[in-house]
Amino acid sequence: MPCHNRAALLGRGLEAYAQQAAGVDFEIVAVDDGSTDDTREVLRTHRSERFALRAVHVERSAGPANARNLGSRRARAPFS
């Protein structure tokens, strides 16, 4: 999940994922794409009993496509 300067909305988005995944274990890889707001802190402190959150921080924004590609490489689950 690419994130860039979305601190104000990020918590709500992560909670929405938790509501959709009742009883299913899954992982979210969130890539903070060089945000200048509190996105990094929101990702660092977010806790959920429904899913594992892996946060990756990129110092300089390289766009959503790059963030998605980086996130897919950091995922632990197999792709099919």
PDB file of N, CA and C in Angstrom:
ATOM      1  N   MET A   1       0.852  -1.156   0.000  1.00  0.00           N
ATOM      2  CA  MET A   1       0.000   0.000   0.000  1.00  0.00           C
ATOM      3  C   MET A   1       0.905   1.228   0.000  1.00  0.00           C
ATOM      4  N   PRO A   2       0.954   1.973  -1.097  1.00  0.00           N
ATOM      5  CA  PRO A   2       1.762   3.186  -1.110  1.00  0.00           C
ATOM      6  C   PRO A   2       1.102   4.286  -0.288  1.00  0.00           C
ATOM      7  N   CYS A   3       1.888   5.024   0.457  1.00  0.00           N
ATOM      8  CA  CYS A   3       1.387   6.120   1.290  1.00  0.00           C
ATOM      9  C   CYS A   3       2.282   7.329   1.090  1.00  0.00           C
ATOM     10  N   HIS A   4       1.685   8.461   0.822  1.00  0.00           N
ATOM     11  CA  HIS A   4       2.456   9.699   0.723  1.00  0.00           C
ATOM     12  C   HIS A   4       1.631  10.826   1.328  1.00  0.00           C
ATOM     13  N   ASN A   5       2.100  11.348   2.457  1.00  0.00           N
ATOM     14  CA  ASN A   5       1.424  12.442   3.170  1.00  0.00           C
ATOM     15  C   ASN A   5      -0.056  12.138   3.423  1.00  0.00           C
ATOM     16  N   ARG A   6      -0.312  10.972   4.013  1.00  0.00           N
ATOM     17  CA  ARG A   6      -1.675  10.539   4.303  1.00  0.00           C
ATOM     18  C   ARG A   6      -1.907  10.278   5.787  1.00  0.00           C
ATOM     19  N   ALA A   7      -1.144  10.897   6.643  1.00  0.00           N
ATOM     20  CA  ALA A   7      -1.268  10.644   8.079  1.00  0.00           C
ATOM     21  C   ALA A   7      -2.697  10.835   8.581  1.00  0.00           C
ATOM     22  N   ALA A   8      -3.380  11.849   8.084  1.00  0.00           N
ATOM     23  CA  ALA A   8      -4.732  12.156   8.573  1.00  0.00           C
ATOM     24  C   ALA A   8      -5.746  11.072   8.209  1.00  0.00           C
ATOM     25  N   LEU A   9      -5.517  10.344   7.128  1.00  0.00           N
ATOM     26  CA  LEU A   9      -6.472   9.328   6.668  1.00  0.00           C
ATOM     27  C   LEU A   9      -6.006   7.903   6.907  1.00  0.00           C
ATOM     28  N   LEU A  10      -4.759   7.711   7.204  1.00  0.00           N
ATOM     29  CA  LEU A  10      -4.170   6.386   7.263  1.00  0.00           C
ATOM     30  C   LEU A  10      -4.800   5.480   8.314  1.00  0.00           C
ATOM     31  N   GLY A  11      -5.044   5.992   9.492  1.00  0.00           N
ATOM     32  CA  GLY A  11      -5.657   5.187  10.554  1.00  0.00           C
ATOM     33  C   GLY A  11      -7.011   4.643  10.146  1.00  0.00           C
ATOM     34  N   ARG A  12      -7.827   5.480   9.538  1.00  0.00           N
ATOM     35  CA  ARG A  12      -9.145   5.032   9.061  1.00  0.00           C
ATOM     36  C   ARG A  12      -9.017   3.966   7.986  1.00  0.00           C
ATOM     37  N   GLY A  13      -8.065   4.129   7.094  1.00  0.00           N
ATOM     38  CA  GLY A  13      -7.859   3.142   6.039  1.00  0.00           C
ATOM     39  C   GLY A  13      -7.430   1.794   6.590  1.00  0.00           C
ATOM     40  N   LEU A  14      -6.519   1.805   7.550  1.00  0.00           N
ATOM     41  CA  LEU A  14      -6.067   0.557   8.153  1.00  0.00           C
ATOM     42  C   LEU A  14      -7.191  -0.124   8.922  1.00  0.00           C
ATOM     43  N   GLU A  15      -8.021   0.655   9.591  1.00  0.00           N
ATOM     44  CA  GLU A  15      -9.168   0.075  10.292  1.00  0.00           C
ATOM     45  C   GLU A  15     -10.166  -0.533   9.317  1.00  0.00           C
ATOM     46  N   ALA A  16     -10.327   0.071   8.162  1.00  0.00           N
ATOM     47  CA  ALA A  16     -11.216  -0.483   7.144  1.00  0.00           C
ATOM     48  C   ALA A  16     -10.710  -1.849   6.681  1.00  0.00           C
ATOM     49  N   TYR A  17      -9.396  -1.995   6.511  1.00  0.00           N
ATOM     50  CA  TYR A  17      -8.838  -3.312   6.170  1.00  0.00           C
ATOM     51  C   TYR A  17      -9.167  -4.325   7.256  1.00  0.00           C
ATOM     52  N   ALA A  18      -9.039  -3.929   8.505  1.00  0.00           N
ATOM     53  CA  ALA A  18      -9.315  -4.841   9.615  1.00  0.00           C
ATOM     54  C   ALA A  18     -10.774  -5.299   9.611  1.00  0.00           C
ATOM     55  N   GLN A  19     -11.681  -4.437   9.264  1.00  0.00           N
ATOM     56  CA  GLN A  19     -13.100  -4.790   9.246  1.00  0.00           C
ATOM     57  C   GLN A  19     -13.438  -5.759   8.114  1.00  0.00           C
ATOM     58  N   GLN A  20     -12.700  -5.737   7.045  1.00  0.00           N
ATOM     59  CA  GLN A  20     -12.972  -6.591   5.892  1.00  0.00           C
ATOM     60  C   GLN A  20     -12.395  -7.986   6.040  1.00  0.00           C
ATOM     61  N   ALA A  21     -11.542  -8.201   6.993  1.00  0.00           N
ATOM     62  CA  ALA A  21     -10.776  -9.440   7.048  1.00  0.00           C
ATOM     63  C   ALA A  21     -11.082 -10.286   8.275  1.00  0.00           C
ATOM     64  N   ALA A  22     -12.316 -10.332   8.698  1.00  0.00           N
ATOM     65  CA  ALA A  22     -12.673 -11.091   9.894  1.00  0.00           C
ATOM     66  C   ALA A  22     -12.285 -12.562   9.732  1.00  0.00           C
ATOM     67  N   GLY A  23     -11.462 -13.055  10.660  1.00  0.00           N
ATOM     68  CA  GLY A  23     -11.081 -14.456  10.667  1.00  0.00           C
ATOM     69  C   GLY A  23     -10.007 -14.858   9.673  1.00  0.00           C
ATOM     70  N   VAL A  24      -9.430 -13.916   8.967  1.00  0.00           N
ATOM     71  CA  VAL A  24      -8.412 -14.231   7.965  1.00  0.00           C
ATOM     72  C   VAL A  24      -7.104 -13.559   8.370  1.00  0.00           C
ATOM     73  N   ASP A  25      -6.042 -14.335   8.422  1.00  0.00           N
ATOM     74  CA  ASP A  25      -4.724 -13.765   8.708  1.00  0.00           C
ATOM     75  C   ASP A  25      -4.132 -13.207   7.418  1.00  0.00           C
ATOM     76  N   PHE A  26      -3.634 -11.995   7.470  1.00  0.00           N
ATOM     77  CA  PHE A  26      -2.999 -11.406   6.301  1.00  0.00           C
ATOM     78  C   PHE A  26      -2.018 -10.338   6.731  1.00  0.00           C
ATOM     79  N   GLU A  27      -1.264  -9.868   5.776  1.00  0.00           N
ATOM     80  CA  GLU A  27      -0.221  -8.884   6.014  1.00  0.00           C
ATOM     81  C   GLU A  27      -0.465  -7.674   5.115  1.00  0.00           C
ATOM     82  N   ILE A  28      -0.218  -6.506   5.652  1.00  0.00           N
ATOM     83  CA  ILE A  28      -0.225  -5.292   4.847  1.00  0.00           C
ATOM     84  C   ILE A  28       1.191  -4.731   4.864  1.00  0.00           C
ATOM     85  N   VAL A  29       1.708  -4.480   3.685  1.00  0.00           N
ATOM     86  CA  VAL A  29       3.004  -3.819   3.565  1.00  0.00           C
ATOM     87  C   VAL A  29       2.707  -2.390   3.120  1.00  0.00           C
ATOM     88  N   ALA A  30       2.971  -1.443   3.998  1.00  0.00           N
ATOM     89  CA  ALA A  30       2.723  -0.029   3.703  1.00  0.00           C
ATOM     90  C   ALA A  30       4.061   0.647   3.442  1.00  0.00           C
ATOM     91  N   VAL A  31       4.163   1.292   2.301  1.00  0.00           N
ATOM     92  CA  VAL A  31       5.398   1.980   1.935  1.00  0.00           C
ATOM     93  C   VAL A  31       5.164   3.481   2.042  1.00  0.00           C
ATOM     94  N   ASP A  32       5.815   4.088   3.020  1.00  0.00           N
ATOM     95  CA  ASP A  32       5.780   5.547   3.178  1.00  0.00           C
ATOM     96  C   ASP A  32       6.739   6.127   2.148  1.00  0.00           C
ATOM     97  N   ASP A  33       6.169   6.705   1.121  1.00  0.00           N
ATOM     98  CA  ASP A  33       6.932   7.183  -0.035  1.00  0.00           C
ATOM     99  C   ASP A  33       7.419   8.615   0.167  1.00  0.00           C
ATOM    100  N   GLY A  34       8.319   8.786   1.136  1.00  0.00           N
ATOM    101  CA  GLY A  34       8.940  10.087   1.353  1.00  0.00           C
ATOM    102  C   GLY A  34       8.020  11.147   1.920  1.00  0.00           C
ATOM    103  N   SER A  35       7.084  10.758   2.763  1.00  0.00           N
ATOM    104  CA  SER A  35       6.130  11.717   3.336  1.00  0.00           C
ATOM    105  C   SER A  35       6.834  12.764   4.184  1.00  0.00           C
ATOM    106  N   THR A  36       6.237  13.954   4.217  1.00  0.00           N
ATOM    107  CA  THR A  36       6.759  15.032   5.055  1.00  0.00           C
ATOM    108  C   THR A  36       5.819  15.334   6.220  1.00  0.00           C
ATOM    109  N   ASP A  37       4.721  14.581   6.339  1.00  0.00           N
ATOM    110  CA  ASP A  37       3.810  14.738   7.483  1.00  0.00           C
ATOM    111  C   ASP A  37       4.083  13.598   8.471  1.00  0.00           C
ATOM    112  N   ASP A  38       3.108  13.214   9.273  1.00  0.00           N
ATOM    113  CA  ASP A  38       3.289  12.188  10.300  1.00  0.00           C
ATOM    114  C   ASP A  38       2.976  10.769   9.824  1.00  0.00           C
ATOM    115  N   THR A  39       2.975  10.535   8.528  1.00  0.00           N
ATOM    116  CA  THR A  39       2.668   9.197   8.009  1.00  0.00           C
ATOM    117  C   THR A  39       3.583   8.142   8.607  1.00  0.00           C
ATOM    118  N   ARG A  40       4.861   8.420   8.667  1.00  0.00           N
ATOM    119  CA  ARG A  40       5.820   7.451   9.218  1.00  0.00           C
ATOM    120  C   ARG A  40       5.470   7.096  10.656  1.00  0.00           C
ATOM    121  N   GLU A  41       5.127   8.073  11.455  1.00  0.00           N
ATOM    122  CA  GLU A  41       4.779   7.845  12.865  1.00  0.00           C
ATOM    123  C   GLU A  41       3.477   7.055  12.995  1.00  0.00           C
ATOM    124  N   VAL A  42       2.492   7.366  12.179  1.00  0.00           N
ATOM    125  CA  VAL A  42       1.227   6.618  12.210  1.00  0.00           C
ATOM    126  C   VAL A  42       1.496   5.146  11.913  1.00  0.00           C
ATOM    127  N   LEU A  43       2.301   4.864  10.902  1.00  0.00           N
ATOM    128  CA  LEU A  43       2.629   3.479  10.567  1.00  0.00           C
ATOM    129  C   LEU A  43       3.430   2.815  11.682  1.00  0.00           C
ATOM    130  N   ARG A  44       4.320   3.551  12.291  1.00  0.00           N
ATOM    131  CA  ARG A  44       5.161   2.984  13.356  1.00  0.00           C
ATOM    132  C   ARG A  44       4.347   2.597  14.582  1.00  0.00           C
ATOM    133  N   THR A  45       3.311   3.356  14.875  1.00  0.00           N
ATOM    134  CA  THR A  45       2.566   3.131  16.118  1.00  0.00           C
ATOM    135  C   THR A  45       1.260   2.360  15.939  1.00  0.00           C
ATOM    136  N   HIS A  46       0.834   2.114  14.715  1.00  0.00           N
ATOM    137  CA  HIS A  46      -0.446   1.425  14.508  1.00  0.00           C
ATOM    138  C   HIS A  46      -0.348  -0.036  14.948  1.00  0.00           C
ATOM    139  N   ARG A  47      -1.370  -0.488  15.644  1.00  0.00           N
ATOM    140  CA  ARG A  47      -1.441  -1.879  16.088  1.00  0.00           C
ATOM    141  C   ARG A  47      -2.788  -2.451  15.683  1.00  0.00           C
ATOM    142  N   SER A  48      -2.788  -3.693  15.255  1.00  0.00           N
ATOM    143  CA  SER A  48      -4.026  -4.367  14.899  1.00  0.00           C
ATOM    144  C   SER A  48      -3.917  -5.829  15.294  1.00  0.00           C
ATOM    145  N   GLU A  49      -5.003  -6.366  15.802  1.00  0.00           N
ATOM    146  CA  GLU A  49      -5.055  -7.794  16.108  1.00  0.00           C
ATOM    147  C   GLU A  49      -5.479  -8.591  14.882  1.00  0.00           C
ATOM    148  N   ARG A  50      -5.917  -7.927  13.851  1.00  0.00           N
ATOM    149  CA  ARG A  50      -6.447  -8.597  12.660  1.00  0.00           C
ATOM    150  C   ARG A  50      -5.412  -8.849  11.572  1.00  0.00           C
ATOM    151  N   PHE A  51      -4.357  -8.057  11.537  1.00  0.00           N
ATOM    152  CA  PHE A  51      -3.371  -8.231  10.474  1.00  0.00           C
ATOM    153  C   PHE A  51      -2.000  -7.763  10.932  1.00  0.00           C
ATOM    154  N   ALA A  52      -0.991  -8.270  10.249  1.00  0.00           N
ATOM    155  CA  ALA A  52       0.382  -7.825  10.487  1.00  0.00           C
ATOM    156  C   ALA A  52       0.656  -6.633   9.577  1.00  0.00           C
ATOM    157  N   LEU A  53       1.233  -5.600  10.129  1.00  0.00           N
ATOM    158  CA  LEU A  53       1.581  -4.411   9.348  1.00  0.00           C
ATOM    159  C   LEU A  53       3.092  -4.309   9.264  1.00  0.00           C
ATOM    160  N   ARG A  54       3.596  -4.304   8.048  1.00  0.00           N
ATOM    161  CA  ARG A  54       5.018  -4.081   7.807  1.00  0.00           C
ATOM    162  C   ARG A  54       5.144  -2.712   7.168  1.00  0.00           C
ATOM    163  N   ALA A  55       5.866  -1.837   7.802  1.00  0.00           N
ATOM    164  CA  ALA A  55       6.046  -0.481   7.291  1.00  0.00           C
ATOM    165  C   ALA A  55       7.449  -0.324   6.726  1.00  0.00           C
ATOM    166  N   VAL A  56       7.504   0.254   5.542  1.00  0.00           N
ATOM    167  CA  VAL A  56       8.768   0.526   4.863  1.00  0.00           C
ATOM    168  C   VAL A  56       8.814   2.029   4.619  1.00  0.00           C
ATOM    169  N   HIS A  57       9.935   2.644   4.898  1.00  0.00           N
ATOM    170  CA  HIS A  57      10.066   4.088   4.697  1.00  0.00           C
ATOM    171  C   HIS A  57      11.090   4.370   3.609  1.00  0.00           C
ATOM    172  N   VAL A  58      10.721   5.228   2.677  1.00  0.00           N
ATOM    173  CA  VAL A  58      11.607   5.676   1.606  1.00  0.00           C
ATOM    174  C   VAL A  58      11.873   7.163   1.849  1.00  0.00           C
ATOM    175  N   GLU A  59      13.125   7.558   1.858  1.00  0.00           N
ATOM    176  CA  GLU A  59      13.485   8.939   2.173  1.00  0.00           C
ATOM    177  C   GLU A  59      12.963   9.939   1.151  1.00  0.00           C
ATOM    178  N   ARG A  60      13.013   9.589  -0.135  1.00  0.00           N
ATOM    179  CA  ARG A  60      12.580  10.498  -1.194  1.00  0.00           C
ATOM    180  C   ARG A  60      11.488   9.852  -2.021  1.00  0.00           C
ATOM    181  N   SER A  61      10.431  10.596  -2.271  1.00  0.00           N
ATOM    182  CA  SER A  61       9.319  10.059  -3.046  1.00  0.00           C
ATOM    183  C   SER A  61       9.771   9.689  -4.462  1.00  0.00           C
ATOM    184  N   ALA A  62       9.358   8.486  -4.874  1.00  0.00           N
ATOM    185  CA  ALA A  62       9.631   8.037  -6.236  1.00  0.00           C
ATOM    186  C   ALA A  62       8.336   7.651  -6.940  1.00  0.00           C
ATOM    187  N   GLY A  63       7.203   8.003  -6.332  1.00  0.00           N
ATOM    188  CA  GLY A  63       5.909   7.751  -6.955  1.00  0.00           C
ATOM    189  C   GLY A  63       5.261   6.453  -6.509  1.00  0.00           C
ATOM    190  N   PRO A  64       3.950   6.351  -6.742  1.00  0.00           N
ATOM    191  CA  PRO A  64       3.196   5.189  -6.270  1.00  0.00           C
ATOM    192  C   PRO A  64       3.607   3.868  -6.917  1.00  0.00           C
ATOM    193  N   ALA A  65       3.973   3.876  -8.182  1.00  0.00           N
ATOM    194  CA  ALA A  65       4.373   2.623  -8.828  1.00  0.00           C
ATOM    195  C   ALA A  65       5.626   2.051  -8.164  1.00  0.00           C
ATOM    196  N   ASN A  66       6.602   2.898  -7.910  1.00  0.00           N
ATOM    197  CA  ASN A  66       7.810   2.452  -7.230  1.00  0.00           C
ATOM    198  C   ASN A  66       7.477   1.930  -5.835  1.00  0.00           C
ATOM    199  N   ALA A  67       6.606   2.631  -5.105  1.00  0.00           N
ATOM    200  CA  ALA A  67       6.229   2.198  -3.757  1.00  0.00           C
ATOM    201  C   ALA A  67       5.524   0.839  -3.802  1.00  0.00           C
ATOM    202  N   ARG A  68       4.637   0.632  -4.769  1.00  0.00           N
ATOM    203  CA  ARG A  68       3.961  -0.663  -4.900  1.00  0.00           C
ATOM    204  C   ARG A  68       4.965  -1.773  -5.201  1.00  0.00           C
ATOM    205  N   ASN A  69       5.896  -1.513  -6.099  1.00  0.00           N
ATOM    206  CA  ASN A  69       6.904  -2.525  -6.439  1.00  0.00           C
ATOM    207  C   ASN A  69       7.775  -2.862  -5.232  1.00  0.00           C
ATOM    208  N   LEU A  70       8.182  -1.849  -4.498  1.00  0.00           N
ATOM    209  CA  LEU A  70       8.982  -2.079  -3.301  1.00  0.00           C
ATOM    210  C   LEU A  70       8.188  -2.888  -2.283  1.00  0.00           C
ATOM    211  N   GLY A  71       6.932  -2.531  -2.083  1.00  0.00           N
ATOM    212  CA  GLY A  71       6.081  -3.261  -1.147  1.00  0.00           C
ATOM    213  C   GLY A  71       5.906  -4.717  -1.539  1.00  0.00           C
ATOM    214  N   SER A  72       5.730  -4.987  -2.810  1.00  0.00           N
ATOM    215  CA  SER A  72       5.549  -6.377  -3.248  1.00  0.00           C
ATOM    216  C   SER A  72       6.818  -7.188  -3.018  1.00  0.00           C
ATOM    217  N   ARG A  73       7.970  -6.567  -3.146  1.00  0.00           N
ATOM    218  CA  ARG A  73       9.230  -7.284  -2.884  1.00  0.00           C
ATOM    219  C   ARG A  73       9.426  -7.561  -1.395  1.00  0.00           C
ATOM    220  N   ARG A  74       8.841  -6.732  -0.541  1.00  0.00           N
ATOM    221  CA  ARG A  74       8.991  -6.908   0.914  1.00  0.00           C
ATOM    222  C   ARG A  74       7.939  -7.843   1.508  1.00  0.00           C
ATOM    223  N   ALA A  75       6.932  -8.195   0.744  1.00  0.00           N
ATOM    224  CA  ALA A  75       5.870  -9.079   1.262  1.00  0.00           C
ATOM    225  C   ALA A  75       6.438 -10.460   1.574  1.00  0.00           C
ATOM    226  N   ARG A  76       5.926 -11.064   2.624  1.00  0.00           N
ATOM    227  CA  ARG A  76       6.374 -12.396   3.022  1.00  0.00           C
ATOM    228  C   ARG A  76       5.492 -13.499   2.469  1.00  0.00           C
ATOM    229  N   ALA A  77       4.260 -13.169   2.142  1.00  0.00           N
ATOM    230  CA  ALA A  77       3.324 -14.182   1.630  1.00  0.00           C
ATOM    231  C   ALA A  77       3.651 -14.503   0.171  1.00  0.00           C
ATOM    232  N   PRO A  78       3.390 -15.740  -0.233  1.00  0.00           N
ATOM    233  CA  PRO A  78       3.632 -16.098  -1.638  1.00  0.00           C
ATOM    234  C   PRO A  78       2.603 -15.442  -2.567  1.00  0.00           C
ATOM    235  N   PHE A  79       3.027 -15.110  -3.767  1.00  0.00           N
ATOM    236  CA  PHE A  79       2.131 -14.587  -4.779  1.00  0.00           C
ATOM    237  C   PHE A  79       1.713 -15.719  -5.692  1.00  0.00           C
ATOM    238  N   SER A  80       0.473 -15.661  -6.140  1.00  0.00           N
ATOM    239  CA  SER A  80       0.049 -16.689  -7.108  1.00  0.00           C
ATOM    240  C   SER A  80      -0.695 -16.044  -8.248  1.00  0.00           C
TER     241      SER A  80
END
